[in-house]
Amino acid sequence: MTGSKGQPAIIVDNLYKSFKLPHEQHNGIKQMLINVLKGKKGFETQHVLDNLSFEINKGDFFGIVGRNGSGKSTLLKLLAGIYVPNKGTIQLNGSLTPFIELGVGFNPELSGRENVFLNGALLGFDKHEIEKMYDNIVEFAELEQFMDQKLKNYSSGMQVRLAFSIAIRAESDILLFDEVLAVGDAAFQQKCYATFETLKKAGKTIVLVTHDMSAVQRFCGRAIMIEGGRITLEGSPSEVADRYLEQNFEKEKKPGETEPADYKISNINLSLGKKITKSFSLDEEISLHFTLKNDDEKTPINIGFQIFTADGTYVFGTNSNISKVDPFESGVHDVEVIFKQSLLPGTYHITLAIMSANDTQVLRYIPKITTFNIKQQTDVQGITMLDNRWIIK
């Protein structure tokens, strides 16, 4: 069923899910009846998902983002058939393999080897099929020396590597991944990235729940953000990633707390010398010039910058504290930051963060305050130019 793009792989219609959370434990039927007669409920209803509707086409790489507690993991468990919705429907057109969370389908008292066969059986493989793929599973997970140890002695990173290595062997049309990149180290994440590319080329439908916005922008073709059990944004990966980062850095006002101070940024210009421009050559200095107004008389602030490629790859970051600039007191400040760059041709955007003086709190986060372009002047590929010389002997 893979490869038929444009046809729905997953249709979610008016999905609703709630849970009953008990307040107290009934000590027998008598106490339960007394509570009923007194009109006392022994539980409260927790509304997790409320009226969710969306479609995912075959071959899509679809991202789901949201803060902890927003309902995204519950949604994945509904898609996997682990939970049953209170209302609404889920239609799956194709076979599905869930990699929902760390440890699902594993037995901690069994060895790594035994868990490979157990998990493989749960995915529908017979013993002969698992034996044929066993060496590849272990090699990918990089756990050759640990396969005869009990799983309970594995670190969380070792467990997620083994589970992911098994899950990607499944011949399913749809794969669900929940925070698969959150536990593995950097080297394993690169393996995951390479696997995602392979699965995309194979036309698999992939649903990824993650807090990693660079992964969303790199792999996903479409994404949704869930907040309070509702879809608050559906659109391109960059739109959803930007809104998620803004939301993540927004300071929540506590009861009785006054409105936070305003930090106004205006007159943002990129220039080469005195000339305002958005296009630069390799090795040209870029001047970022803007006006900052700090309305808080008690809170001096620092300013941070991050540069990203158009697809969301993180290139560089710094802030005024790192650069030994005194914190910005209240008032208006005319600021110029000069970047000496060796970026290769492409489009880049700059994100700005206003932080507390000690960098411990982000007060305001402004994605893509400006975008610039590096002109095509070289056949070298990548993000940045590195000096290199060849020695032939």
Protein backbone atom coordinates (compact mmCIF):
# COMPACT_ATOMS: atom_id res chain seq x y z
CA MET A 1 0.00 0.00 0.00
CA THR A 2 2.99 2.29 0.15
CA GLY A 3 3.73 4.82 -2.52
CA SER A 4 0.11 5.86 -3.31
CA LYS A 5 0.51 9.49 -2.35
CA GLY A 6 -2.59 11.65 -2.24
CA GLN A 7 -4.74 8.89 -0.77
CA PRO A 8 -5.51 9.00 2.97
CA ALA A 9 -3.53 6.64 5.18
CA ILE A 10 -5.09 7.92 8.41
CA ILE A 11 -8.42 9.73 8.82
CA VAL A 12 -9.23 11.12 12.28
CA ASP A 13 -12.75 12.51 12.65
CA ASN A 14 -14.14 14.34 15.71
CA LEU A 15 -11.95 12.38 18.12
CA TYR A 16 -12.70 12.74 21.81
CA LYS A 17 -10.96 11.01 24.73
CA SER A 18 -11.37 11.37 28.48
CA PHE A 19 -10.29 9.43 31.55
CA LYS A 20 -11.93 8.94 34.94
CA LEU A 21 -9.56 9.81 37.76
CA PRO A 22 -10.60 8.31 41.14
CA HIS A 23 -10.71 10.65 44.14
CA GLU A 24 -10.80 7.97 46.78
CA GLN A 25 -10.84 4.23 47.11
CA HIS A 26 -14.15 2.59 47.99
CA ASN A 27 -13.90 0.12 50.85
CA GLY A 28 -16.57 -2.22 49.59
CA ILE A 29 -20.00 -1.92 48.00
CA LYS A 30 -21.56 -0.41 51.14
CA GLN A 31 -19.29 2.66 51.08
CA MET A 32 -19.85 3.06 47.36
CA LEU A 33 -23.65 3.06 47.83
CA ILE A 34 -23.39 5.58 50.68
CA ASN A 35 -21.38 7.90 48.46
CA VAL A 36 -23.92 7.54 45.64
CA LEU A 37 -26.83 8.35 48.00
CA LYS A 38 -24.96 11.41 49.27
CA GLY A 39 -24.36 12.54 45.69
CA LYS A 40 -20.60 12.17 46.05
CA LYS A 41 -18.65 11.14 42.97
CA GLY A 42 -15.63 9.00 43.50
CA PHE A 43 -13.92 10.33 40.41
CA GLU A 44 -13.41 13.33 38.20
CA THR A 45 -13.33 13.36 34.43
CA GLN A 46 -10.12 14.43 32.76
CA HIS A 47 -10.72 15.65 29.21
CA VAL A 48 -7.57 14.83 27.22
CA LEU A 49 -8.57 15.21 23.56
CA ASP A 50 -11.46 17.30 22.33
CA ASN A 51 -12.87 17.14 18.79
CA LEU A 52 -9.69 16.38 16.83
CA SER A 53 -9.99 15.98 13.07
CA PHE A 54 -7.22 15.64 10.49
CA GLU A 55 -6.01 13.46 7.63
CA ILE A 56 -2.59 12.04 6.80
CA ASN A 57 -1.95 10.96 3.23
CA LYS A 58 -0.03 7.87 2.24
CA GLY A 59 3.69 8.56 2.07
CA ASP A 60 3.43 11.62 4.35
CA PHE A 61 5.95 12.32 7.11
CA PHE A 62 3.62 13.95 9.65
CA GLY A 63 4.71 15.74 12.82
CA ILE A 64 2.75 16.13 16.07
CA VAL A 65 4.10 18.64 18.59
CA GLY A 66 2.91 20.13 21.86
CA ARG A 67 3.92 20.71 25.43
CA ASN A 68 3.92 17.89 27.97
CA GLY A 69 0.34 17.09 28.91
CA SER A 70 -1.14 18.48 25.70
CA GLY A 71 -2.53 15.07 24.65
CA LYS A 72 -0.18 14.14 21.82
CA SER A 73 0.95 10.79 23.31
CA THR A 74 -2.66 9.86 24.05
CA LEU A 75 -3.45 10.59 20.41
CA LEU A 76 -0.69 8.23 19.28
CA LYS A 77 -2.01 5.48 21.56
CA LEU A 78 -5.46 5.94 20.06
CA LEU A 79 -3.98 5.64 16.57
CA ALA A 80 -2.17 2.47 17.68
CA GLY A 81 -5.36 0.95 19.09
CA ILE A 82 -4.04 0.89 22.66
CA TYR A 83 -6.83 3.25 23.76
CA VAL A 84 -10.42 3.38 22.50
CA PRO A 85 -11.95 6.84 21.85
CA ASN A 86 -15.03 7.99 23.75
CA LYS A 87 -16.33 9.59 20.57
CA GLY A 88 -15.19 9.94 16.99
CA THR A 89 -13.54 7.58 14.57
CA ILE A 90 -10.06 6.61 13.37
CA GLN A 91 -9.71 5.02 9.94
CA LEU A 92 -6.40 3.36 9.05
CA ASN A 93 -5.76 2.38 5.44
CA GLY A 94 -2.79 0.05 5.75
CA SER A 95 -0.90 -1.99 8.32
CA LEU A 96 0.57 -0.12 11.29
CA THR A 97 3.58 -0.54 13.58
CA PRO A 98 3.66 1.54 16.76
CA PHE A 99 6.89 2.53 18.46
CA ILE A 100 4.94 4.31 21.15
CA GLU A 101 7.27 4.66 24.09
CA LEU A 102 10.29 3.17 25.77
CA GLY A 103 9.76 -0.35 27.13
CA VAL A 104 6.43 -1.21 25.49
CA GLY A 105 6.51 -4.88 24.47
CA PHE A 106 9.70 -5.60 26.43
CA ASN A 107 10.11 -7.91 29.42
CA PRO A 108 12.79 -6.60 31.82
CA GLU A 109 13.43 -10.09 33.24
CA LEU A 110 14.39 -11.49 29.83
CA SER A 111 17.71 -10.98 28.08
CA GLY A 112 18.18 -8.63 25.16
CA ARG A 113 18.31 -11.63 22.84
CA GLU A 114 15.04 -13.04 24.19
CA ASN A 115 13.37 -9.65 23.90
CA VAL A 116 14.32 -9.42 20.23
CA PHE A 117 12.42 -12.65 19.56
CA LEU A 118 9.52 -11.59 21.81
CA ASN A 119 9.20 -8.15 20.21
CA GLY A 120 9.64 -9.58 16.73
CA ALA A 121 6.81 -12.03 17.36
CA LEU A 122 4.58 -9.16 18.46
CA LEU A 123 5.34 -7.47 15.13
CA GLY A 124 4.24 -10.59 13.26
CA PHE A 125 7.59 -12.23 12.42
CA ASP A 126 8.11 -15.96 12.84
CA LYS A 127 11.22 -17.41 14.48
CA HIS A 128 13.02 -18.04 11.19
CA GLU A 129 12.48 -14.46 10.01
CA ILE A 130 13.77 -13.04 13.30
CA GLU A 131 16.86 -15.28 13.15
CA LYS A 132 17.66 -13.93 9.67
CA MET A 133 17.45 -10.28 10.78
CA TYR A 134 18.90 -10.76 14.30
CA ASP A 135 22.50 -9.80 13.46
CA ASN A 136 21.37 -6.63 11.65
CA ILE A 137 19.18 -5.64 14.60
CA VAL A 138 22.03 -6.04 17.07
CA GLU A 139 24.56 -4.31 14.81
CA PHE A 140 22.27 -1.30 14.30
CA ALA A 141 21.64 -1.04 18.06
CA GLU A 142 25.38 -1.45 18.78
CA LEU A 143 24.67 -3.88 21.61
CA GLU A 144 26.70 -6.95 20.58
CA GLN A 145 28.29 -7.34 24.05
CA PHE A 146 25.05 -6.96 25.99
CA MET A 147 22.52 -9.24 24.30
CA ASP A 148 22.74 -11.97 26.95
CA GLN A 149 22.21 -9.54 29.84
CA LYS A 150 18.75 -9.00 31.30
CA LEU A 151 16.97 -5.97 29.90
CA LYS A 152 16.48 -4.49 33.38
CA ASN A 153 20.25 -3.91 33.47
CA TYR A 154 20.15 -1.85 30.26
CA SER A 155 20.27 1.93 30.36
CA SER A 156 17.30 3.78 28.87
CA GLY A 157 19.43 4.67 25.87
CA MET A 158 20.33 1.02 25.25
CA GLN A 159 16.67 0.01 25.47
CA VAL A 160 15.48 2.64 23.00
CA ARG A 161 18.24 1.68 20.54
CA LEU A 162 17.18 -1.97 20.67
CA ALA A 163 13.47 -1.19 20.42
CA PHE A 164 13.94 1.18 17.48
CA SER A 165 16.19 -1.31 15.68
CA ILE A 166 13.47 -3.96 15.94
CA ALA A 167 10.57 -1.67 15.01
CA ILE A 168 12.08 -0.47 11.73
CA ARG A 169 12.21 -4.07 10.45
CA ALA A 170 8.43 -4.26 10.34
CA GLU A 171 6.93 -4.40 6.85
CA SER A 172 4.19 -1.96 7.78
CA ASP A 173 2.68 0.86 5.74
CA ILE A 174 2.36 3.22 8.72
CA LEU A 175 4.89 3.75 11.51
CA LEU A 176 4.27 5.69 14.72
CA PHE A 177 7.22 7.13 16.66
CA ASP A 178 6.96 8.87 20.04
CA GLU A 179 10.08 10.75 21.17
CA VAL A 180 12.42 8.21 19.63
CA LEU A 181 15.17 10.86 19.48
CA ALA A 182 14.87 11.95 23.11
CA VAL A 183 16.93 9.19 24.74
CA GLY A 184 19.60 8.08 22.24
CA ASP A 185 22.98 9.77 21.99
CA ALA A 186 24.04 12.00 19.08
CA ALA A 187 25.54 9.14 17.05
CA PHE A 188 22.35 7.09 17.36
CA GLN A 189 20.24 10.10 16.42
CA GLN A 190 22.17 10.32 13.17
CA LYS A 191 21.30 6.67 12.54
CA CYS A 192 17.65 7.48 13.18
CA TYR A 193 17.86 10.39 10.73
CA ALA A 194 19.34 8.12 8.04
CA THR A 195 16.59 5.58 8.69
CA PHE A 196 13.92 8.28 8.39
CA GLU A 197 15.34 9.25 4.99
CA THR A 198 15.22 5.60 3.87
CA LEU A 199 11.63 5.18 5.08
CA LYS A 200 10.59 8.39 3.31
CA LYS A 201 12.10 7.20 0.03
CA ALA A 202 10.29 3.88 0.46
CA GLY A 203 6.97 5.74 0.62
CA LYS A 204 6.16 4.79 4.21
CA THR A 205 3.67 6.89 6.14
CA ILE A 206 5.36 8.13 9.30
CA VAL A 207 3.86 9.92 12.30
CA LEU A 208 6.43 11.50 14.60
CA VAL A 209 5.73 12.96 18.04
CA THR A 210 8.72 14.99 19.18
CA HIS A 211 10.01 18.07 20.99
CA ASP A 212 12.85 18.30 18.47
CA MET A 213 11.82 21.11 16.11
CA SER A 214 14.87 20.63 13.88
CA ALA A 215 13.66 17.06 13.17
CA VAL A 216 10.16 18.37 12.42
CA GLN A 217 11.51 20.89 9.92
CA ARG A 218 14.00 18.48 8.41
CA PHE A 219 11.71 15.51 7.78
CA CYS A 220 8.05 16.44 8.05
CA GLY A 221 5.96 17.67 5.16
CA ARG A 222 3.13 18.78 7.43
CA ALA A 223 2.59 19.10 11.18
CA ILE A 224 0.03 19.93 13.83
CA MET A 225 0.38 21.47 17.27
CA ILE A 226 -1.86 20.27 20.08
CA GLU A 227 -2.64 22.46 23.07
CA GLY A 228 -5.09 21.49 25.79
CA GLY A 229 -6.35 18.54 23.77
CA ARG A 230 -7.17 20.63 20.68
CA ILE A 231 -5.37 21.28 17.42
CA THR A 232 -4.33 24.93 17.63
CA LEU A 233 -2.28 25.00 14.43
CA GLU A 234 -1.99 22.84 11.33
CA GLY A 235 0.40 23.80 8.58
CA SER A 236 3.94 23.72 7.30
CA PRO A 237 6.70 22.38 9.58
CA SER A 238 8.32 25.82 9.85
CA GLU A 239 5.05 27.49 10.89
CA VAL A 240 4.33 24.86 13.53
CA ALA A 241 7.94 24.78 14.80
CA ASP A 242 8.06 28.56 15.13
CA ARG A 243 4.77 28.68 17.04
CA TYR A 244 5.84 25.83 19.31
CA LEU A 245 9.12 27.57 20.18
CA GLU A 246 7.29 30.85 20.83
CA GLN A 247 4.80 29.06 23.08
CA ASN A 248 7.52 27.13 24.86
CA PHE A 249 9.34 30.30 25.83
CA GLU A 250 6.27 32.33 26.78
CA LYS A 251 6.25 33.16 30.46
CA GLU A 252 3.02 32.03 32.09
CA LYS A 253 1.53 34.72 34.32
CA LYS A 254 0.80 33.53 37.85
CA PRO A 255 -2.32 34.62 39.76
CA GLY A 256 -1.87 38.17 41.05
CA GLU A 257 1.23 38.74 38.92
CA THR A 258 1.40 42.01 36.98
CA GLU A 259 1.82 42.11 33.24
CA PRO A 260 5.42 41.44 32.18
CA ALA A 261 7.52 44.32 30.93
CA ASP A 262 7.51 45.06 27.23
CA TYR A 263 10.63 44.47 25.19
CA LYS A 264 10.21 46.20 21.86
CA ILE A 265 12.42 45.42 18.90
CA SER A 266 12.23 47.80 15.95
CA ASN A 267 14.10 49.00 12.86
CA ILE A 268 15.70 45.62 12.17
CA ASN A 269 18.19 45.96 9.31
CA LEU A 270 20.83 43.70 7.80
CA SER A 271 23.59 45.66 6.16
CA LEU A 272 26.97 45.45 4.51
CA GLY A 273 28.74 48.57 5.70
CA LYS A 274 26.16 51.37 5.33
CA LYS A 275 24.20 49.58 2.63
CA ILE A 276 21.01 47.82 3.74
CA THR A 277 20.78 44.45 2.02
CA LYS A 278 19.49 40.89 2.42
CA SER A 279 22.00 39.28 0.06
CA PHE A 280 25.65 38.66 0.85
CA SER A 281 28.70 36.98 -0.58
CA LEU A 282 30.82 34.29 1.04
CA ASP A 283 33.08 35.83 3.74
CA GLU A 284 31.31 39.23 3.74
CA GLU A 285 30.60 40.62 7.21
CA ILE A 286 26.92 40.90 8.06
CA SER A 287 25.75 43.73 10.31
CA LEU A 288 22.49 43.22 12.22
CA HIS A 289 21.23 46.61 13.41
CA PHE A 290 18.14 47.22 15.55
CA THR A 291 16.63 49.31 18.32
CA LEU A 292 15.76 47.69 21.65
CA LYS A 293 13.49 49.17 24.31
CA ASN A 294 13.49 47.66 27.82
CA ASP A 295 10.51 48.92 29.87
CA ASP A 296 11.47 47.06 33.04
CA GLU A 297 13.37 49.31 35.45
CA LYS A 298 14.27 46.38 37.71
CA THR A 299 15.33 43.73 35.19
CA PRO A 300 18.45 44.14 33.02
CA ILE A 301 18.44 41.79 30.05
CA ASN A 302 20.71 39.98 27.61
CA ILE A 303 20.07 39.31 23.94
CA GLY A 304 20.74 36.03 22.13
CA PHE A 305 20.80 35.10 18.46
CA GLN A 306 20.54 31.84 16.56
CA ILE A 307 21.09 31.32 12.84
CA PHE A 308 19.25 28.52 11.03
CA THR A 309 19.17 27.26 7.47
CA ALA A 310 15.88 27.48 5.58
CA ASP A 311 15.05 23.87 6.51
CA GLY A 312 15.65 24.49 10.23
CA THR A 313 19.20 23.18 10.66
CA TYR A 314 20.90 24.97 13.56
CA VAL A 315 24.02 26.79 12.34
CA PHE A 316 25.23 29.10 15.11
CA GLY A 317 24.18 30.75 18.35
CA THR A 318 25.55 33.36 20.73
CA ASN A 319 24.36 36.02 23.16
CA SER A 320 25.49 39.32 24.61
CA ASN A 321 26.58 37.67 27.87
CA ILE A 322 28.90 35.25 26.05
CA SER A 323 30.28 38.22 24.11
CA LYS A 324 31.06 40.09 27.38
CA VAL A 325 28.51 42.86 26.72
CA ASP A 326 26.99 44.48 29.81
CA PRO A 327 23.31 43.67 30.40
CA PHE A 328 20.86 46.14 28.86
CA GLU A 329 19.27 48.27 31.58
CA SER A 330 15.88 49.98 31.17
CA GLY A 331 15.61 52.46 28.34
CA VAL A 332 16.24 52.54 24.61
CA HIS A 333 19.37 50.96 23.14
CA ASP A 334 20.76 51.19 19.63
CA VAL A 335 22.41 47.80 18.98
CA GLU A 336 24.62 46.51 16.18
CA VAL A 337 25.93 42.94 15.99
CA ILE A 338 28.52 42.12 13.32
CA PHE A 339 28.85 38.53 12.14
CA LYS A 340 31.99 37.36 10.36
CA GLN A 341 30.67 34.45 8.35
CA SER A 342 31.77 31.77 5.91
CA LEU A 343 28.34 30.42 5.04
CA LEU A 344 27.79 28.60 1.79
CA PRO A 345 25.05 29.58 -0.71
CA GLY A 346 21.51 29.33 0.58
CA THR A 347 18.82 31.07 2.59
CA TYR A 348 19.23 31.58 6.35
CA HIS A 349 17.10 33.12 9.07
CA ILE A 350 17.96 34.74 12.40
CA THR A 351 16.03 34.12 15.61
CA LEU A 352 16.22 36.47 18.60
CA ALA A 353 15.77 35.72 22.29
CA ILE A 354 15.55 38.24 25.13
CA MET A 355 16.86 36.68 28.32
CA SER A 356 17.39 37.51 31.96
CA ALA A 357 20.81 38.95 32.82
CA ASN A 358 22.14 35.56 33.97
CA ASP A 359 20.71 33.68 30.93
CA THR A 360 18.53 31.46 33.14
CA GLN A 361 15.17 32.59 31.77
CA VAL A 362 13.93 33.39 28.28
CA LEU A 363 11.63 36.41 28.53
CA ARG A 364 10.70 36.64 24.88
CA TYR A 365 11.44 34.50 21.84
CA ILE A 366 11.10 35.93 18.31
CA PRO A 367 11.66 33.40 15.50
CA LYS A 368 12.78 34.57 12.07
CA ILE A 369 13.20 38.26 12.88
CA THR A 370 14.97 38.53 9.53
CA THR A 371 16.12 36.38 6.64
CA PHE A 372 19.17 36.70 4.43
CA ASN A 373 20.71 34.99 1.45
CA ILE A 374 24.28 33.96 0.61
CA LYS A 375 24.92 34.30 -3.12
CA GLN A 376 26.00 31.39 -5.30
CA GLN A 377 29.73 31.77 -5.84
CA THR A 378 31.12 28.29 -5.31
CA ASP A 379 30.45 24.67 -6.16
CA VAL A 380 31.29 23.57 -2.60
CA GLN A 381 28.31 22.03 -0.79
CA GLY A 382 27.17 22.12 2.81
CA ILE A 383 26.53 24.91 5.31
CA THR A 384 29.88 26.53 5.93
CA MET A 385 33.21 26.86 4.18
CA LEU A 386 36.17 25.14 5.82
CA ASP A 387 39.73 25.93 4.81
CA ASN A 388 41.22 22.80 3.29
CA ARG A 389 44.35 21.77 1.48
CA TRP A 390 45.26 18.54 -0.25
CA ILE A 391 48.58 16.80 0.11
CA ILE A 392 49.39 14.14 -2.45
CA LYS A 393 52.34 11.83 -1.80
